[in-house]
Protein backbone atom coordinates (compact mmCIF):
# COMPACT_ATOMS: atom_id res chain seq x y z
CA MET A 1 2.72 -27.34 -5.86
CA ASP A 2 0.93 -30.27 -7.01
CA ALA A 3 -0.83 -30.08 -10.37
CA ASP A 4 -4.69 -29.93 -8.82
CA HIS A 5 -3.67 -26.96 -6.71
CA PHE A 6 -1.46 -25.22 -9.80
CA VAL A 7 -4.79 -25.66 -12.08
CA GLN A 8 -6.72 -24.23 -9.27
CA TRP A 9 -4.67 -21.27 -8.61
CA PHE A 10 -4.26 -20.30 -12.14
CA ARG A 11 -8.06 -20.16 -12.79
CA GLN A 12 -8.41 -17.80 -9.85
CA ALA A 13 -5.98 -15.52 -10.95
CA SER A 14 -7.12 -15.59 -14.67
CA PRO A 15 -9.70 -13.05 -14.29
CA TYR A 16 -7.58 -10.55 -12.59
CA ILE A 17 -4.76 -11.45 -15.64
CA ASN A 18 -7.40 -10.46 -17.82
CA ALA A 19 -9.08 -7.54 -15.86
CA HIS A 20 -5.24 -5.96 -15.55
CA ARG A 21 -4.18 -6.26 -19.07
CA GLY A 22 -3.84 -2.46 -20.70
CA LYS A 23 -4.24 -0.93 -17.41
CA THR A 24 -1.75 1.60 -16.31
CA PHE A 25 -0.03 1.03 -13.02
CA VAL A 26 2.60 3.17 -11.23
CA VAL A 27 4.84 1.44 -8.91
CA LEU A 28 7.17 2.89 -6.13
CA ILE A 29 9.99 1.24 -5.08
CA SER A 30 12.27 2.38 -2.44
CA GLY A 31 16.02 2.65 -2.67
CA GLU A 32 16.39 0.28 -0.20
CA ALA A 33 14.59 -2.22 -2.44
CA VAL A 34 17.50 -1.55 -5.09
CA GLU A 35 19.97 -2.77 -2.69
CA ALA A 36 18.24 -5.66 -1.11
CA ASP A 37 18.77 -9.46 -2.02
CA SER A 38 15.37 -10.00 -3.42
CA PHE A 39 15.97 -6.97 -5.99
CA SER A 40 16.04 -9.82 -8.56
CA SER A 41 12.74 -11.31 -7.59
CA LEU A 42 11.46 -7.74 -7.41
CA ILE A 43 12.49 -7.47 -11.32
CA HIS A 44 11.39 -10.71 -12.45
CA ASP A 45 7.86 -9.68 -11.15
CA LEU A 46 7.98 -6.25 -12.69
CA ALA A 47 8.72 -7.92 -16.18
CA LEU A 48 6.07 -10.56 -15.32
CA LEU A 49 3.48 -7.83 -15.22
CA HIS A 50 4.81 -6.15 -18.19
CA SER A 51 4.39 -9.54 -20.19
CA LEU A 52 0.91 -9.79 -19.20
CA GLY A 53 0.16 -6.43 -20.89
CA ILE A 54 0.23 -4.06 -17.87
CA ARG A 55 1.56 -0.53 -18.73
CA LEU A 56 4.19 0.20 -15.93
CA VAL A 57 5.65 3.14 -14.61
CA LEU A 58 8.43 2.53 -12.20
CA VAL A 59 9.09 5.21 -9.76
CA HIS A 60 12.18 4.76 -7.68
CA GLY A 61 13.78 6.37 -4.49
CA ALA A 62 17.49 6.59 -3.40
CA ARG A 63 17.61 7.70 -0.11
CA PRO A 64 19.97 5.64 1.43
CA GLN A 65 22.37 5.85 -1.76
CA VAL A 66 22.36 9.39 -1.36
CA GLU A 67 22.87 9.50 2.19
CA GLU A 68 26.10 7.10 1.56
CA ARG A 69 27.22 9.24 -0.91
CA LEU A 70 26.70 12.46 0.93
CA HIS A 71 28.36 10.47 4.19
CA GLU A 72 31.39 9.53 1.60
CA ALA A 73 31.87 13.36 0.80
CA GLY A 74 31.87 14.56 4.20
CA ARG A 75 28.61 16.50 4.04
CA GLN A 76 25.91 16.98 6.63
CA LEU A 77 22.80 15.76 6.45
CA ARG A 78 19.49 17.40 7.50
CA TYR A 79 15.86 16.68 7.55
CA VAL A 80 12.78 18.84 8.31
CA ASN A 81 9.50 17.43 8.17
CA GLY A 82 10.83 14.23 6.46
CA LEU A 83 12.35 16.21 3.93
CA ARG A 84 16.25 16.17 3.09
CA LEU A 85 17.62 19.82 2.72
CA THR A 86 19.70 20.26 -0.35
CA GLU A 87 22.68 22.64 -0.63
CA GLY A 88 24.06 23.68 -3.82
CA ASP A 89 27.35 21.54 -3.11
CA ASP A 90 24.86 18.47 -1.81
CA LEU A 91 23.60 18.72 -5.85
CA ARG A 92 26.40 16.96 -7.58
CA TYR A 93 26.36 14.01 -4.74
CA VAL A 94 22.56 13.92 -5.09
CA LYS A 95 22.67 13.49 -8.94
CA GLN A 96 25.38 10.66 -8.85
CA ALA A 97 23.74 8.58 -6.27
CA VAL A 98 20.24 8.85 -8.26
CA GLY A 99 22.13 8.39 -11.46
CA ARG A 100 24.02 5.35 -10.07
CA VAL A 101 20.45 3.83 -9.22
CA ARG A 102 18.55 4.67 -12.44
CA ILE A 103 21.39 2.87 -14.36
CA ARG A 104 21.54 -0.06 -12.15
CA ILE A 105 17.84 -0.83 -12.71
CA GLU A 106 17.84 -0.22 -16.25
CA ALA A 107 20.60 -2.58 -16.52
CA ARG A 108 18.60 -5.22 -14.68
CA LEU A 109 15.53 -4.52 -16.68
CA SER A 110 17.49 -4.82 -19.99
CA LEU A 111 19.36 -8.40 -18.97
CA GLY A 112 15.83 -9.75 -19.25
CA ILE A 113 15.18 -12.88 -16.85
CA ALA A 114 17.89 -15.09 -16.65
CA ASN A 115 17.15 -18.70 -16.14
CA SER A 116 13.55 -18.09 -17.18
CA PRO A 117 11.50 -18.51 -20.63
CA MET A 118 11.87 -14.21 -20.68
CA HIS A 119 15.80 -14.70 -20.75
CA GLY A 120 16.86 -12.64 -23.66
CA ALA A 121 13.54 -10.78 -23.92
CA ARG A 122 14.78 -7.11 -23.61
CA LEU A 123 12.47 -4.79 -21.80
CA ARG A 124 12.55 -1.48 -23.38
CA VAL A 125 13.22 1.18 -20.78
CA ALA A 126 12.46 4.89 -21.22
CA SER A 127 13.28 7.82 -19.08
CA GLY A 128 14.08 11.33 -19.55
CA ASN A 129 13.29 15.08 -18.49
CA LEU A 130 9.63 14.02 -17.71
CA ILE A 131 9.23 15.90 -14.71
CA THR A 132 9.50 19.80 -14.35
CA ALA A 133 9.85 20.82 -10.66
CA ARG A 134 9.86 23.80 -8.63
CA PRO A 135 11.88 24.55 -5.16
CA LEU A 136 10.26 24.18 -1.97
CA GLY A 137 11.61 27.41 -0.85
CA ILE A 138 11.59 29.05 2.46
CA ARG A 139 9.20 27.41 4.72
CA ASP A 140 8.30 28.45 8.47
CA GLY A 141 12.13 30.08 8.35
CA ILE A 142 13.74 27.05 6.80
CA ASP A 143 15.59 27.27 3.36
CA TYR A 144 15.18 23.90 1.80
CA GLY A 145 17.72 24.96 -1.09
CA PHE A 146 17.28 22.58 -4.15
CA THR A 147 14.89 20.34 -2.22
CA GLY A 148 12.15 20.73 -4.61
CA GLU A 149 8.29 19.60 -5.31
CA VAL A 150 6.69 18.35 -8.55
CA ARG A 151 5.03 21.29 -10.47
CA ARG A 152 4.07 19.07 -13.55
CA ILE A 153 4.43 15.75 -15.29
CA ASP A 154 4.92 15.37 -19.01
CA ASP A 155 1.94 12.91 -19.16
CA ARG A 156 1.50 12.93 -22.88
CA ALA A 157 5.20 11.57 -23.18
CA ILE A 158 4.65 8.84 -20.64
CA ARG A 159 2.10 7.85 -22.75
CA LEU A 160 3.57 7.83 -25.91
CA TRP A 161 6.43 5.60 -24.43
CA LEU A 162 3.84 3.07 -23.12
CA ASP A 163 1.86 2.94 -26.15
CA GLN A 164 5.10 1.81 -27.53
CA GLU A 165 5.08 -1.15 -24.86
CA ALA A 166 7.96 0.70 -22.98
CA ILE A 167 8.30 0.22 -19.16
CA VAL A 168 8.80 4.00 -18.01
CA LEU A 169 11.77 4.81 -15.48
CA LEU A 170 10.99 7.69 -13.03
CA SER A 171 13.90 9.28 -10.75
CA PRO A 172 13.32 11.51 -8.08
CA LEU A 173 15.08 14.41 -9.81
CA GLY A 174 12.90 17.16 -11.37
CA TYR A 175 14.25 20.46 -13.88
CA SER A 176 13.01 23.62 -13.93
CA PRO A 177 12.15 25.73 -16.79
CA THR A 178 15.60 27.58 -16.28
CA GLY A 179 17.69 24.36 -16.33
CA GLU A 180 18.10 24.10 -12.61
CA ILE A 181 17.85 20.47 -11.04
CA PHE A 182 15.88 19.92 -7.98
CA ASN A 183 15.94 16.87 -5.34
CA LEU A 184 12.40 15.43 -4.95
CA SER A 185 10.60 12.88 -3.18
CA ALA A 186 9.93 9.73 -4.63
CA GLU A 187 6.53 9.61 -2.96
CA ASP A 188 5.62 12.76 -4.64
CA VAL A 189 6.70 11.81 -7.98
CA ALA A 190 5.11 8.73 -7.60
CA THR A 191 1.68 10.41 -6.56
CA ALA A 192 1.89 13.20 -9.00
CA THR A 193 2.97 10.82 -12.22
CA ALA A 194 -0.36 8.27 -10.82
CA ILE A 195 -2.63 11.64 -10.93
CA ALA A 196 -1.18 12.97 -14.26
CA LEU A 197 -1.95 9.43 -15.85
CA ARG A 198 -4.89 8.91 -14.30
CA ALA A 199 -3.45 5.77 -13.31
CA ASP A 200 -5.45 2.60 -12.44
CA LYS A 201 -3.55 1.74 -9.55
CA LEU A 202 -0.70 3.43 -7.50
CA LEU A 203 1.09 0.46 -6.25
CA VAL A 204 3.54 1.64 -3.03
CA LEU A 205 6.21 -0.88 -2.02
CA SER A 206 7.05 0.03 1.56
CA GLU A 207 10.13 -0.77 3.87
CA GLY A 208 8.01 -1.68 6.86
CA PRO A 209 5.31 -4.07 7.94
CA GLU A 210 1.97 -4.24 6.79
CA LEU A 211 -0.48 -1.36 7.55
CA CYS A 212 -2.74 -2.27 10.80
CA ASP A 213 -5.55 -0.54 12.71
CA PRO A 214 -5.60 0.66 16.19
CA ALA A 215 -6.41 -2.87 17.68
CA GLY A 216 -3.42 -4.34 15.94
CA GLN A 217 -5.53 -5.98 12.89
CA LEU A 218 -4.14 -5.79 9.11
CA ILE A 219 -6.11 -3.31 6.95
CA ARG A 220 -6.97 -4.85 3.89
CA GLU A 221 -9.54 -2.18 2.75
CA LEU A 222 -10.15 1.31 3.89
CA SER A 223 -11.51 4.76 2.27
CA PRO A 224 -10.12 8.04 2.26
CA SER A 225 -12.43 9.11 4.94
CA ASP A 226 -11.01 5.68 6.73
CA ALA A 227 -7.31 6.94 6.22
CA GLU A 228 -8.14 10.39 7.23
CA ARG A 229 -9.58 9.02 10.71
CA LEU A 230 -6.54 6.35 10.85
CA LEU A 231 -4.10 9.44 10.82
CA VAL A 232 -5.61 10.98 13.60
CA GLU A 233 -6.30 7.72 15.82
CA LEU A 234 -3.01 6.66 15.26
CA PRO A 235 -0.69 9.77 16.07
CA ALA A 236 2.33 7.41 16.63
CA LEU A 237 1.74 5.88 13.12
CA SER A 238 5.38 5.02 11.73
CA GLY A 239 7.20 8.14 9.59
CA ASP A 240 7.04 5.75 6.47
CA HIS A 241 3.41 4.55 7.13
CA ALA A 242 1.89 8.06 7.76
CA ARG A 243 3.77 9.57 4.63
CA TYR A 244 2.51 6.44 2.19
CA LEU A 245 -0.93 6.68 3.55
CA ARG A 246 -1.31 10.84 2.99
CA GLN A 247 0.40 10.53 -0.18
CA ALA A 248 -2.42 7.52 -0.98
CA LEU A 249 -5.24 9.98 0.28
CA ARG A 250 -3.84 12.65 -2.33
CA ALA A 251 -4.06 10.18 -5.03
CA CYS A 252 -7.59 9.18 -4.29
CA GLN A 253 -9.00 12.61 -3.85
CA ALA A 254 -7.27 13.49 -7.17
CA GLY A 255 -9.07 10.76 -8.96
CA VAL A 256 -6.51 7.79 -8.88
CA ARG A 257 -9.02 4.86 -8.29
CA ARG A 258 -7.04 2.27 -6.25
CA VAL A 259 -3.95 2.68 -4.34
CA HIS A 260 -2.47 -0.17 -2.84
CA LEU A 261 -0.07 0.08 0.12
CA LEU A 262 2.03 -3.21 0.22
CA SER A 263 5.37 -4.57 2.14
CA ARG A 264 8.24 -5.31 0.31
CA GLN A 265 9.16 -7.76 3.30
CA ARG A 266 6.56 -9.84 1.81
CA ASN A 267 8.12 -12.25 -0.98
CA GLY A 268 5.88 -11.73 -4.38
CA ALA A 269 4.02 -9.06 -2.81
CA LEU A 270 3.18 -7.41 -6.13
CA LEU A 271 1.94 -10.56 -7.84
CA LEU A 272 -0.39 -11.64 -4.36
CA GLU A 273 -1.93 -8.09 -4.50
CA LEU A 274 -2.80 -8.02 -8.05
CA PHE A 275 -3.83 -11.74 -8.80
CA THR A 276 -5.46 -13.51 -5.50
CA ARG A 277 -8.66 -12.64 -4.37
CA ASP A 278 -7.76 -11.16 -0.82
CA GLY A 279 -4.21 -9.50 -1.72
CA VAL A 280 -2.00 -9.07 1.43
CA GLY A 281 -1.84 -5.58 1.47
CA ALA A 282 -3.92 -2.21 2.15
CA MET A 283 -6.12 -1.20 -0.72
CA LEU A 284 -7.37 2.59 -0.39
CA THR A 285 -10.16 3.30 -2.74
CA ALA A 286 -12.04 6.58 -3.72
CA ASP A 287 -14.97 7.61 -1.71
CA ILE A 288 -17.97 6.39 -3.67
CA TYR A 289 -18.65 8.76 -6.39
CA GLU A 290 -22.18 10.64 -6.07
CA GLY A 291 -22.81 9.16 -2.40
CA LEU A 292 -23.14 5.74 -0.81
CA ARG A 293 -25.58 5.76 2.21
CA PRO A 294 -28.05 3.38 3.74
CA ALA A 295 -31.93 3.32 2.57
CA THR A 296 -34.65 4.83 4.21
CA ILE A 297 -38.60 4.55 3.89
CA ASP A 298 -38.46 7.63 1.84
CA ASP A 299 -36.47 5.94 -0.75
CA VAL A 300 -38.63 3.43 -1.72
CA GLY A 301 -40.33 5.47 -4.51
CA GLY A 302 -36.93 6.02 -5.94
CA MET A 303 -35.71 2.41 -5.31
CA LEU A 304 -38.82 1.35 -7.60
CA GLU A 305 -38.22 3.41 -10.53
CA LEU A 306 -34.63 1.72 -10.47
CA ILE A 307 -35.39 -1.97 -10.23
CA GLN A 308 -38.60 -2.24 -12.14
CA PRO A 309 -37.46 -2.25 -15.63
CA LEU A 310 -34.65 -4.97 -14.32
CA GLU A 311 -37.69 -6.78 -12.90
CA GLU A 312 -39.24 -6.42 -16.10
CA ASP A 313 -36.72 -8.10 -18.20
CA GLY A 314 -36.23 -10.71 -15.81
CA THR A 315 -32.78 -9.88 -14.40
CA LEU A 316 -34.11 -9.32 -10.81
CA VAL A 317 -37.00 -10.80 -8.81
CA ARG A 318 -40.10 -8.68 -8.49
CA ARG A 319 -40.48 -6.97 -5.24
CA SER A 320 -43.83 -5.20 -4.20
CA ARG A 321 -43.48 -1.75 -2.56
CA GLU A 322 -44.75 -3.72 0.87
CA ARG A 323 -41.47 -5.91 0.89
CA LEU A 324 -39.34 -2.95 -0.13
CA GLU A 325 -40.86 -1.03 2.96
CA MET A 326 -40.22 -4.10 5.21
CA GLU A 327 -36.44 -4.50 4.13
CA ILE A 328 -35.46 -1.60 3.72
CA GLY A 329 -32.93 -1.74 6.47
CA ARG A 330 -31.00 -4.29 4.08
CA PHE A 331 -30.45 -1.49 1.19
CA ASN A 332 -27.87 0.67 0.43
CA LEU A 333 -28.09 3.04 -2.23
CA LEU A 334 -25.98 5.33 -4.44
CA GLU A 335 -27.20 8.82 -5.08
CA ARG A 336 -26.65 12.04 -7.57
CA ASP A 337 -28.15 15.30 -7.14
CA GLY A 338 -30.67 13.47 -5.21
CA THR A 339 -31.56 10.77 -7.83
CA ILE A 340 -30.82 6.87 -6.72
CA ILE A 341 -28.81 5.62 -9.20
CA GLY A 342 -27.84 2.16 -7.78
CA CYS A 343 -28.67 -0.15 -4.99
CA ALA A 344 -27.94 -3.39 -3.32
CA ALA A 345 -28.97 -5.51 -0.64
CA LEU A 346 -27.57 -7.69 2.07
CA TYR A 347 -29.50 -10.44 3.94
CA PRO A 348 -27.63 -12.57 6.37
CA PHE A 349 -27.80 -16.08 7.39
CA PRO A 350 -25.90 -15.86 10.81
CA ALA A 351 -26.05 -19.37 11.61
CA GLU A 352 -24.39 -20.66 8.40
CA ARG A 353 -22.05 -17.48 8.32
CA LEU A 354 -23.22 -16.71 5.12
CA GLY A 355 -24.83 -13.44 3.57
CA GLU A 356 -26.68 -12.98 0.52
CA LEU A 357 -26.13 -10.20 -2.20
CA ALA A 358 -29.39 -9.18 -3.77
CA CYS A 359 -31.08 -6.67 -5.93
CA VAL A 360 -27.96 -5.23 -7.23
CA ALA A 361 -29.02 -2.60 -9.73
CA VAL A 362 -27.47 0.51 -11.28
CA GLN A 363 -29.44 2.96 -13.92
CA PRO A 364 -28.14 2.27 -17.53
CA ALA A 365 -26.69 5.76 -18.01
CA TYR A 366 -24.49 5.58 -14.75
CA ARG A 367 -23.21 1.73 -15.49
CA SER A 368 -19.40 2.98 -15.80
CA ARG A 369 -16.51 3.75 -13.83
CA GLY A 370 -17.13 0.96 -11.11
CA ARG A 371 -20.35 1.90 -9.27
CA ALA A 372 -21.37 -2.12 -9.18
CA ASP A 373 -18.26 -2.39 -7.52
CA ALA A 374 -18.70 0.27 -5.30
CA LEU A 375 -21.57 -1.45 -4.10
CA LEU A 376 -20.36 -4.82 -4.04
CA HIS A 377 -17.28 -3.81 -1.72
CA CYS A 378 -20.03 -1.93 0.32
CA ILE A 379 -21.77 -5.04 0.79
CA GLU A 380 -18.82 -7.14 1.61
CA ARG A 381 -17.87 -4.65 4.07
CA GLN A 382 -20.97 -4.92 6.03
CA ALA A 383 -20.94 -8.82 5.90
CA ARG A 384 -17.33 -9.15 7.51
CA THR A 385 -18.62 -6.67 9.86
CA GLN A 386 -21.52 -8.99 11.05
CA GLY A 387 -18.94 -11.65 11.30
CA LEU A 388 -20.33 -13.40 7.93
CA GLU A 389 -17.78 -15.65 6.23
CA ARG A 390 -19.33 -15.87 2.96
CA LEU A 391 -21.18 -14.64 0.20
CA PHE A 392 -23.83 -15.92 -2.27
CA VAL A 393 -25.96 -14.42 -4.93
CA LEU A 394 -28.67 -15.83 -7.02
CA THR A 395 -28.38 -14.61 -11.17
CA THR A 396 -29.51 -15.48 -14.27
CA ARG A 397 -27.93 -12.53 -16.60
CA ALA A 398 -24.76 -11.60 -14.73
CA ALA A 399 -22.97 -14.74 -14.09
CA HIS A 400 -19.39 -13.41 -15.63
CA TRP A 401 -19.60 -10.14 -13.99
CA PHE A 402 -19.91 -12.20 -10.56
CA ARG A 403 -17.00 -14.46 -11.78
CA GLU A 404 -14.99 -11.90 -12.59
CA ARG A 405 -15.15 -10.34 -8.75
CA GLY A 406 -14.03 -13.64 -6.93
CA PHE A 407 -17.44 -15.56 -7.00
CA GLU A 408 -17.23 -19.44 -7.59
CA PRO A 409 -20.10 -21.61 -9.60
CA ALA A 410 -21.92 -23.51 -6.25
CA GLU A 411 -25.07 -25.64 -6.02
CA VAL A 412 -28.63 -24.93 -4.20
CA ALA A 413 -27.69 -27.53 -1.84
CA ASP A 414 -24.85 -24.84 -1.00
CA LEU A 415 -27.42 -22.45 0.33
CA PRO A 416 -28.53 -21.74 3.61
CA VAL A 417 -31.45 -24.42 4.55
CA GLN A 418 -34.12 -21.19 4.46
CA LYS A 419 -32.86 -20.19 1.10
CA GLN A 420 -33.17 -23.73 -0.07
CA ALA A 421 -36.77 -23.82 0.79
CA LEU A 422 -37.50 -20.50 -1.37
CA TYR A 423 -35.33 -21.42 -4.16
CA ASN A 424 -37.58 -20.58 -7.43
CA TRP A 425 -37.00 -23.86 -9.78
CA ARG A 426 -38.54 -22.28 -12.45
CA ARG A 427 -36.47 -19.32 -12.74
CA ARG A 428 -33.20 -21.53 -12.53
CA SER A 429 -30.78 -18.84 -11.09
CA LYS A 430 -27.41 -19.88 -10.74
CA VAL A 431 -25.52 -19.94 -7.77
CA PHE A 432 -22.12 -18.31 -6.72
CA ILE A 433 -20.58 -18.08 -3.71
CA LYS A 434 -17.66 -15.88 -2.59
CA ILE A 435 -15.37 -16.19 0.54
CA LEU A 436 -14.74 -12.93 2.06
């Protein structure tokens, strides 16, 4: 990498570094990942995330290790609905295999990163009886034995460890109030943990390829309703993909704002997803709060109430009722209990493959929890659907907000010719462009 390329990359990554600092991420890694040759690189990436101030909870699987140990002991393996039946005699082998995986991960994290500036910098790793479990019991006539499900996550203890800058490591074992041990699904543990912590992200490193739509195109972003539709439209979706997608859907519906489905086969998948503009995985985002929908002519009155204060203080360009009525088809709205609390518009310039993001507004009382981001994502999806490759915005007050979301400074000369002719030189709005 030459110097100029490195500087450009670092500048693009810096907003994400700042945005992720202090956030809580739950990361699910499989038992296969622990055995892979690339495990050292994955540990390196996790240590790097921790060094950047990200609060990490790691959840590991152990399926291949458990299967190997059971085979060695001559035990029969039985799976029903993707879950292993765990008999009482199997449990000690399960504990042995899971324990070995946990110890191996702890040891690798404790070593620091060899041949790097972080060598010798021990990472504190915390684990323990943080998961209360219960048995699955008998379902459809099948007794699952000591296979269980998460009953409760000790989120208070996890937060205390995270506050002390430790990495929390969770294994797929849970304990009942009566002292029994249950074999759990690592995906269930990761999802329940993310929900209990109200984690900012749940990152799932799967063993298969990237998630694709029915046409075979890579999926970069989808809503819970998209995920439900995909599960119906693709009944032949691989077992891992379907299982992870259902867990991602459950997490989003329970309040986890972002779930990222990544392929472990992609080198540096975590870093590429978190610190580049487009990422490399599929991101599932919660359905937009109170309701995101296209505007209609009946919304003009409410929209005027929303944007007039911003027009008066110079944040937005003035729009008359007549202009809003003529351009109403360009707008999308956020609505809560019948009240319009946000809006944004897309004006396409198909010849230049450019679109203008305009009139982004959110009521002051609701400028939190990513509502403006939701509007931006909606406009970006619309722009891609229309074949646009870039999105531009003119702003006088919100330059930093747009920079943090991947927009780069540009010149008036970079705008479509039609827009250049309408540029207000007295207002002197700054121009920013984002590649979609």
